[in-house]
Each structure stands twice: as structure tokens, then as C-alpha cells.
C-alpha atoms as a PDB file:
ATOM      1  CA  MET A   1      28.510 151.684  29.580  1.00  0.00           C
ATOM      2  CA  ALA A   2      25.125 152.194  31.241  1.00  0.00           C
ATOM      3  CA  PHE A   3      24.024 149.582  33.754  1.00  0.00           C
ATOM      4  CA  THR A   4      21.134 147.363  32.601  1.00  0.00           C
ATOM      5  CA  THR A   5      18.761 146.007  35.244  1.00  0.00           C
ATOM      6  CA  ARG A   6      17.763 142.406  34.623  1.00  0.00           C
ATOM      7  CA  PHE A   7      15.646 139.708  36.214  1.00  0.00           C
ATOM      8  CA  VAL A   8      17.255 136.446  37.296  1.00  0.00           C
ATOM      9  CA  ASP A   9      16.301 134.777  34.004  1.00  0.00           C
ATOM     10  CA  GLY A  10      18.427 137.315  32.162  1.00  0.00           C
ATOM     11  CA  SER A  11      15.550 139.310  30.693  1.00  0.00           C
ATOM     12  CA  GLU A  12      15.690 143.083  30.886  1.00  0.00           C
ATOM     13  CA  THR A  13      13.325 144.724  33.365  1.00  0.00           C
ATOM     14  CA  GLY A  14      11.964 147.134  30.762  1.00  0.00           C
ATOM     15  CA  HIS A  15      13.156 150.379  32.366  1.00  0.00           C
ATOM     16  CA  PRO A  16      16.566 152.033  32.480  1.00  0.00           C
ATOM     17  CA  LEU A  17      18.169 152.258  35.905  1.00  0.00           C
ATOM     18  CA  GLY A  18      17.167 155.504  37.570  1.00  0.00           C
ATOM     19  CA  LYS A  19      18.224 156.881  40.916  1.00  0.00           C
ATOM     20  CA  ILE A  20      19.313 154.610  43.757  1.00  0.00           C
ATOM     21  CA  LEU A  21      17.645 155.755  46.958  1.00  0.00           C
ATOM     22  CA  CYS A  22      19.255 154.506  50.171  1.00  0.00           C
ATOM     23  CA  VAL A  23      18.502 154.468  53.875  1.00  0.00           C
ATOM     24  CA  GLY A  24      21.119 154.598  56.607  1.00  0.00           C
ATOM     25  CA  ARG A  25      20.970 153.030  60.066  1.00  0.00           C
ATOM     26  CA  ASN A  26      17.878 150.914  59.408  1.00  0.00           C
ATOM     27  CA  TYR A  27      19.170 148.166  61.727  1.00  0.00           C
ATOM     28  CA  ALA A  28      19.740 149.152  65.367  1.00  0.00           C
ATOM     29  CA  GLU A  29      22.768 146.856  65.809  1.00  0.00           C
ATOM     30  CA  HIS A  30      24.474 148.390  62.778  1.00  0.00           C
ATOM     31  CA  ALA A  31      23.925 151.902  64.134  1.00  0.00           C
ATOM     32  CA  ALA A  32      25.430 150.772  67.441  1.00  0.00           C
ATOM     33  CA  GLU A  33      28.528 149.194  65.865  1.00  0.00           C
ATOM     34  CA  LEU A  34      29.411 152.537  64.262  1.00  0.00           C
ATOM     35  CA  ASN A  35      28.530 154.498  67.423  1.00  0.00           C
ATOM     36  CA  ASN A  36      25.682 156.253  65.629  1.00  0.00           C
ATOM     37  CA  PRO A  37      22.368 157.177  67.246  1.00  0.00           C
ATOM     38  CA  VAL A  38      19.301 155.185  66.220  1.00  0.00           C
ATOM     39  CA  PRO A  39      17.221 157.470  63.992  1.00  0.00           C
ATOM     40  CA  SER A  40      13.596 158.321  64.707  1.00  0.00           C
ATOM     41  CA  ALA A  41      12.923 158.717  60.970  1.00  0.00           C
ATOM     42  CA  PRO A  42      14.608 157.149  57.944  1.00  0.00           C
ATOM     43  CA  LEU A  43      17.998 158.670  57.129  1.00  0.00           C
ATOM     44  CA  LEU A  44      17.908 158.987  53.347  1.00  0.00           C
ATOM     45  CA  PHE A  45      20.584 159.579  50.741  1.00  0.00           C
ATOM     46  CA  MET A  46      21.102 158.787  47.053  1.00  0.00           C
ATOM     47  CA  LYS A  47      23.559 157.125  44.743  1.00  0.00           C
ATOM     48  CA  PRO A  48      23.507 157.991  41.021  1.00  0.00           C
ATOM     49  CA  ALA A  49      22.866 155.368  38.372  1.00  0.00           C
ATOM     50  CA  THR A  50      26.535 155.736  37.392  1.00  0.00           C
ATOM     51  CA  SER A  51      27.532 154.121  40.707  1.00  0.00           C
ATOM     52  CA  ALA A  52      25.920 150.795  39.714  1.00  0.00           C
ATOM     53  CA  VAL A  53      27.947 147.877  38.371  1.00  0.00           C
ATOM     54  CA  GLU A  54      27.115 144.198  38.009  1.00  0.00           C
ATOM     55  CA  LEU A  55      27.552 142.422  41.331  1.00  0.00           C
ATOM     56  CA  GLU A  56      29.109 139.433  39.579  1.00  0.00           C
ATOM     57  CA  SER A  57      31.903 141.576  38.134  1.00  0.00           C
ATOM     58  CA  PRO A  58      35.181 141.595  40.090  1.00  0.00           C
ATOM     59  CA  ILE A  59      35.561 144.472  42.539  1.00  0.00           C
ATOM     60  CA  ALA A  60      38.881 146.085  41.700  1.00  0.00           C
ATOM     61  CA  ARG A  61      38.852 149.671  40.485  1.00  0.00           C
ATOM     62  CA  GLN A  62      36.824 150.798  43.499  1.00  0.00           C
ATOM     63  CA  PHE A  63      39.963 150.364  45.630  1.00  0.00           C
ATOM     64  CA  THR A  64      41.651 153.232  43.757  1.00  0.00           C
ATOM     65  CA  HIS A  65      39.561 155.596  45.898  1.00  0.00           C
ATOM     66  CA  GLY A  66      40.983 154.325  49.197  1.00  0.00           C
ATOM     67  CA  GLU A  67      39.969 151.826  51.871  1.00  0.00           C
ATOM     68  CA  VAL A  68      36.596 150.304  50.960  1.00  0.00           C
ATOM     69  CA  HIS A  69      34.046 148.957  53.429  1.00  0.00           C
ATOM     70  CA  PHE A  70      31.173 146.610  52.535  1.00  0.00           C
ATOM     71  CA  GLU A  71      27.497 146.968  53.487  1.00  0.00           C
ATOM     72  CA  THR A  72      25.147 144.242  52.209  1.00  0.00           C
ATOM     73  CA  GLU A  73      21.579 145.318  51.524  1.00  0.00           C
ATOM     74  CA  LEU A  74      18.262 144.154  50.112  1.00  0.00           C
ATOM     75  CA  ALA A  75      17.577 146.042  46.872  1.00  0.00           C
ATOM     76  CA  LEU A  76      14.050 146.756  45.658  1.00  0.00           C
ATOM     77  CA  LEU A  77      13.307 147.430  41.992  1.00  0.00           C
ATOM     78  CA  ILE A  78      10.478 149.913  41.513  1.00  0.00           C
ATOM     79  CA  GLY A  79       8.008 149.040  38.754  1.00  0.00           C
ATOM     80  CA  GLU A  80       5.392 151.781  39.082  1.00  0.00           C
ATOM     81  CA  ARG A  81       5.445 155.531  39.705  1.00  0.00           C
ATOM     82  CA  LEU A  82       5.019 156.154  43.435  1.00  0.00           C
ATOM     83  CA  SER A  83       4.334 159.577  44.908  1.00  0.00           C
ATOM     84  CA  GLU A  84       2.855 160.049  48.383  1.00  0.00           C
ATOM     85  CA  ALA A  85       1.958 156.374  48.206  1.00  0.00           C
ATOM     86  CA  SER A  86       0.158 154.402  50.874  1.00  0.00           C
ATOM     87  CA  GLU A  87       1.853 151.286  52.221  1.00  0.00           C
ATOM     88  CA  ALA A  88      -0.416 149.125  50.051  1.00  0.00           C
ATOM     89  CA  GLU A  89       0.344 151.186  46.943  1.00  0.00           C
ATOM     90  CA  ALA A  90       4.050 151.047  47.721  1.00  0.00           C
ATOM     91  CA  LEU A  91       4.035 147.256  48.019  1.00  0.00           C
ATOM     92  CA  ALA A  92       2.157 146.954  44.733  1.00  0.00           C
ATOM     93  CA  GLY A  93       4.797 149.121  43.072  1.00  0.00           C
ATOM     94  CA  ILE A  94       7.724 146.776  43.776  1.00  0.00           C
ATOM     95  CA  ALA A  95       8.694 144.764  40.696  1.00  0.00           C
ATOM     96  CA  GLY A  96      11.675 142.808  42.016  1.00  0.00           C
ATOM     97  CA  ALA A  97      14.062 142.112  44.869  1.00  0.00           C
ATOM     98  CA  GLY A  98      17.811 141.685  44.709  1.00  0.00           C
ATOM     99  CA  LEU A  99      20.995 142.333  46.622  1.00  0.00           C
ATOM    100  CA  ALA A 100      23.476 145.171  46.597  1.00  0.00           C
ATOM    101  CA  LEU A 101      26.764 146.123  48.175  1.00  0.00           C
ATOM    102  CA  ASP A 102      26.716 149.696  49.404  1.00  0.00           C
ATOM    103  CA  LEU A 103      30.462 150.246  49.125  1.00  0.00           C
ATOM    104  CA  THR A 104      31.648 152.995  51.425  1.00  0.00           C
ATOM    105  CA  LEU A 105      34.895 154.906  51.822  1.00  0.00           C
ATOM    106  CA  ARG A 106      34.587 154.899  55.612  1.00  0.00           C
ATOM    107  CA  ASP A 107      37.538 157.175  56.382  1.00  0.00           C
ATOM    108  CA  VAL A 108      36.295 159.684  53.826  1.00  0.00           C
ATOM    109  CA  GLN A 109      32.752 159.450  55.196  1.00  0.00           C
ATOM    110  CA  SER A 110      33.934 160.011  58.772  1.00  0.00           C
ATOM    111  CA  ALA A 111      35.920 163.077  57.772  1.00  0.00           C
ATOM    112  CA  LEU A 112      32.981 164.503  55.861  1.00  0.00           C
ATOM    113  CA  LYS A 113      30.600 163.864  58.763  1.00  0.00           C
ATOM    114  CA  GLU A 114      32.941 165.644  61.176  1.00  0.00           C
ATOM    115  CA  LYS A 115      32.810 168.724  58.953  1.00  0.00           C
ATOM    116  CA  GLY A 116      29.047 168.489  58.483  1.00  0.00           C
ATOM    117  CA  HIS A 117      29.527 167.905  54.758  1.00  0.00           C
ATOM    118  CA  PRO A 118      27.477 165.614  52.458  1.00  0.00           C
ATOM    119  CA  TRP A 119      28.567 161.983  51.996  1.00  0.00           C
ATOM    120  CA  GLU A 120      28.583 161.711  48.205  1.00  0.00           C
ATOM    121  CA  ARG A 121      32.359 161.351  47.864  1.00  0.00           C
ATOM    122  CA  ALA A 122      32.191 158.344  50.188  1.00  0.00           C
ATOM    123  CA  LYS A 123      29.012 156.728  48.880  1.00  0.00           C
ATOM    124  CA  ALA A 124      28.319 157.758  45.288  1.00  0.00           C
ATOM    125  CA  PHE A 125      31.583 157.208  43.417  1.00  0.00           C
ATOM    126  CA  ASP A 126      31.715 155.120  40.232  1.00  0.00           C
ATOM    127  CA  GLY A 127      31.326 151.444  41.145  1.00  0.00           C
ATOM    128  CA  ALA A 128      30.001 152.165  44.650  1.00  0.00           C
ATOM    129  CA  CYS A 129      26.882 150.045  44.102  1.00  0.00           C
ATOM    130  CA  PRO A 130      27.483 146.472  42.892  1.00  0.00           C
ATOM    131  CA  LEU A 131      23.935 145.327  42.122  1.00  0.00           C
ATOM    132  CA  SER A 132      22.507 141.859  41.443  1.00  0.00           C
ATOM    133  CA  ARG A 133      19.765 140.722  39.126  1.00  0.00           C
ATOM    134  CA  PHE A 134      16.225 140.808  40.506  1.00  0.00           C
ATOM    135  CA  VAL A 135      13.756 138.146  41.589  1.00  0.00           C
ATOM    136  CA  PRO A 136      10.209 139.085  40.462  1.00  0.00           C
ATOM    137  CA  VAL A 137       7.867 139.800  43.384  1.00  0.00           C
ATOM    138  CA  ASP A 138       4.271 140.896  43.852  1.00  0.00           C
ATOM    139  CA  ALA A 139       2.125 142.654  46.440  1.00  0.00           C
ATOM    140  CA  ASP A 140       1.622 139.400  48.379  1.00  0.00           C
ATOM    141  CA  THR A 141       5.323 138.910  49.151  1.00  0.00           C
ATOM    142  CA  ASP A 142       5.863 138.337  52.882  1.00  0.00           C
ATOM    143  CA  TRP A 143       8.671 140.827  53.379  1.00  0.00           C
ATOM    144  CA  ALA A 144       8.891 140.293  57.141  1.00  0.00           C
ATOM    145  CA  SER A 145      10.072 136.710  56.549  1.00  0.00           C
ATOM    146  CA  VAL A 146      12.809 137.648  54.064  1.00  0.00           C
ATOM    147  CA  SER A 147      16.466 137.251  55.028  1.00  0.00           C
ATOM    148  CA  PHE A 148      19.860 137.578  53.362  1.00  0.00           C
ATOM    149  CA  HIS A 149      23.523 137.086  54.143  1.00  0.00           C
ATOM    150  CA  LEU A 150      27.077 137.728  53.003  1.00  0.00           C
ATOM    151  CA  ASP A 151      29.997 135.289  53.256  1.00  0.00           C
ATOM    152  CA  ILE A 152      33.602 136.336  52.669  1.00  0.00           C
ATOM    153  CA  ASN A 153      36.044 133.508  51.962  1.00  0.00           C
ATOM    154  CA  GLY A 154      33.475 131.050  53.295  1.00  0.00           C
ATOM    155  CA  GLN A 155      32.952 132.871  56.601  1.00  0.00           C
ATOM    156  CA  ARG A 156      29.615 134.485  57.481  1.00  0.00           C
ATOM    157  CA  GLN A 157      30.058 138.259  57.766  1.00  0.00           C
ATOM    158  CA  GLN A 158      26.536 139.660  57.703  1.00  0.00           C
ATOM    159  CA  SER A 159      23.082 138.212  58.278  1.00  0.00           C
ATOM    160  CA  GLY A 160      19.997 140.334  57.835  1.00  0.00           C
ATOM    161  CA  LYS A 161      16.365 139.671  58.673  1.00  0.00           C
ATOM    162  CA  LEU A 162      13.866 142.202  57.397  1.00  0.00           C
ATOM    163  CA  SER A 163      11.864 141.670  60.573  1.00  0.00           C
ATOM    164  CA  ASP A 164      14.750 143.416  62.397  1.00  0.00           C
ATOM    165  CA  MET A 165      14.583 146.592  60.325  1.00  0.00           C
ATOM    166  CA  LEU A 166      13.625 149.754  62.184  1.00  0.00           C
ATOM    167  CA  PHE A 167      11.479 150.808  59.224  1.00  0.00           C
ATOM    168  CA  SER A 168       9.748 147.974  57.368  1.00  0.00           C
ATOM    169  CA  VAL A 169       9.622 147.792  53.582  1.00  0.00           C
ATOM    170  CA  PRO A 170       6.103 149.284  53.276  1.00  0.00           C
ATOM    171  CA  ALA A 171       6.721 151.926  55.944  1.00  0.00           C
ATOM    172  CA  LEU A 172      10.052 152.874  54.384  1.00  0.00           C
ATOM    173  CA  LEU A 173       8.625 153.283  50.891  1.00  0.00           C
ATOM    174  CA  GLU A 174       5.626 155.220  52.166  1.00  0.00           C
ATOM    175  CA  GLU A 175       7.956 157.622  53.972  1.00  0.00           C
ATOM    176  CA  MET A 176      10.310 157.955  50.997  1.00  0.00           C
ATOM    177  CA  THR A 177       7.512 158.828  48.593  1.00  0.00           C
ATOM    178  CA  ARG A 178       6.427 161.734  50.754  1.00  0.00           C
ATOM    179  CA  THR A 179       9.625 163.475  49.628  1.00  0.00           C
ATOM    180  CA  PHE A 180      10.886 161.678  46.513  1.00  0.00           C
ATOM    181  CA  THR A 181       8.787 160.456  43.619  1.00  0.00           C
ATOM    182  CA  LEU A 182       9.925 156.942  42.746  1.00  0.00           C
ATOM    183  CA  GLU A 183       9.860 156.126  39.050  1.00  0.00           C
ATOM    184  CA  PRO A 184       9.927 152.751  37.266  1.00  0.00           C
ATOM    185  CA  GLY A 185      13.547 151.683  37.125  1.00  0.00           C
ATOM    186  CA  ASP A 186      14.526 153.311  40.414  1.00  0.00           C
ATOM    187  CA  VAL A 187      16.138 151.080  43.030  1.00  0.00           C
ATOM    188  CA  VAL A 188      15.763 151.332  46.805  1.00  0.00           C
ATOM    189  CA  LEU A 189      18.458 149.983  49.145  1.00  0.00           C
ATOM    190  CA  THR A 190      16.863 149.166  52.487  1.00  0.00           C
ATOM    191  CA  GLY A 191      19.792 149.351  54.921  1.00  0.00           C
ATOM    192  CA  THR A 192      22.512 147.031  56.170  1.00  0.00           C
ATOM    193  CA  PRO A 193      22.637 144.802  59.256  1.00  0.00           C
ATOM    194  CA  ALA A 194      25.545 144.623  61.695  1.00  0.00           C
ATOM    195  CA  GLY A 195      28.836 143.132  60.598  1.00  0.00           C
ATOM    196  CA  VAL A 196      30.103 145.749  58.143  1.00  0.00           C
ATOM    197  CA  GLY A 197      33.832 146.080  57.755  1.00  0.00           C
ATOM    198  CA  LYS A 198      36.851 146.572  55.534  1.00  0.00           C
ATOM    199  CA  LEU A 199      36.575 144.757  52.216  1.00  0.00           C
ATOM    200  CA  PRO A 200      39.683 142.582  51.776  1.00  0.00           C
ATOM    201  CA  ARG A 201      41.595 142.245  48.528  1.00  0.00           C
ATOM    202  CA  GLU A 202      41.786 138.876  46.719  1.00  0.00           C
ATOM    203  CA  ALA A 203      38.632 137.627  48.472  1.00  0.00           C
ATOM    204  CA  VAL A 204      35.645 135.520  47.370  1.00  0.00           C
ATOM    205  CA  LEU A 205      32.203 136.859  48.264  1.00  0.00           C
ATOM    206  CA  GLY A 206      28.961 134.864  48.331  1.00  0.00           C
ATOM    207  CA  LEU A 207      25.601 136.563  48.791  1.00  0.00           C
ATOM    208  CA  SER A 208      22.222 134.896  49.248  1.00  0.00           C
ATOM    209  CA  LEU A 209      18.627 136.152  49.423  1.00  0.00           C
ATOM    210  CA  SER A 210      15.895 133.867  50.758  1.00  0.00           C
ATOM    211  CA  LEU A 211      13.559 134.790  47.890  1.00  0.00           C
ATOM    212  CA  GLY A 212      15.681 132.625  45.594  1.00  0.00           C
ATOM    213  CA  LEU A 213      18.881 134.426  44.701  1.00  0.00           C
ATOM    214  CA  ASP A 214      22.494 133.344  45.127  1.00  0.00           C
ATOM    215  CA  VAL A 215      25.315 135.365  43.623  1.00  0.00           C
ATOM    216  CA  GLY A 216      29.074 135.423  43.920  1.00  0.00           C
ATOM    217  CA  THR A 217      31.820 137.888  43.178  1.00  0.00           C
ATOM    218  CA  ARG A 218      35.439 138.494  44.132  1.00  0.00           C
ATOM    219  CA  THR A 219      37.829 141.313  44.895  1.00  0.00           C
ATOM    220  CA  ARG A 220      41.184 141.894  43.286  1.00  0.00           C
END
């Protein structure tokens, strides 16, 4: 069944989910914890729409692919077509903000990286992008003040402040649209802070976004 993007009130966003455009190593501390160099330009990759599942749904079948690691990220819902957009145009094109788990098969990713191969098997499998509903936003949203966090079994695992991102929301979108046209219904994942790790089985997850979103899920 195709994933349906919705706002927090349950209403549909009006556009089918398109591509999910992601950025790697957008927090310096996260790059350091994985012994990766800090990039001088955004490191971009994609997940297909078929990787998206509702964040509230239990995480279970994803474990059939192997050891799963969690990466909590701010998700941006695109509401207008953006191509070679300015920062101001990019900000005006954001329709909503939510949260996502960029689920990663870390051992698979490491093996692929060693061979110089693409990451899709580790990042783009079915269910690899649990995605929340979206809080409506506008061009006046103060992105630099936004924060989010992930708790696992009541313990804080990740805390992200957008002010700590290497590439800010407007700068990131401007750079992305120089290469990829963003269409209404596309989603942008903006990178994960430090604290990523192996996702445990039989765990309770709580995620919170300072714009007014709290969501929970569990693993099985």
C-alpha cells in the first residue's frame, strides 16, 4: 500500500509522496562518531517512496535484512516546485516539518563503502524510512531555533539542534535544487546528530520535535 503523507490533524497533504532526498554527515559530531570526514558540500543520496512507512507502526520486518541502526532526522515536506531556488524561495516552498528514522544496515553500508559501491541496499530497502505526520510551517519559521530528540526505553539517545547543522535548512535546499528539482510531495531528510546506534528489539521509542510534534513507536 502506498504511503500517504498527512498533517498532524490527520488531513492529507494533497500530494502523493515523491522521492525522499537525504543528506549525510550534516552534523560534525555524527561524522566524527563514525570516523567519517566532515564534508565541504552536502553529501546527498535518495530513498524511494517505497521505503516510507508510518512512524507509529511497529518496526519489525526491517530486521529481516540484518542488524538495523537508527538515525533520527528532521523531515521537510516540499509544497512547491523548486529548481535552482534561492534560499528565500526554498524556505517558501516548505509545507511541513516532521520526523523520520533513517534506518541503516550499517554492516552492509560499510561493506559497500569499502568496495566503492552505492549505498542503496543499506539505506533504501522497504521500510527504511519510518516517517511521521507533518506540522504545517511557513516562510517565517525560525529554523535555527528548532530542535528534536529520540528516547529509547525512556533514555535519551539523540538530541539535535538545527543550529548545529553544517548546512542550514535554506542553504541545504538551495544546494539540493541546483541538481535535483524538488516537486510537491517530495520529502527532504536533513541529517542526523550524534548518538546513532543499533536499534534494539522489543524497545519503546519516543520522538519529539520542538515545532509541536510528539510521536511514539516500538520495535518487535
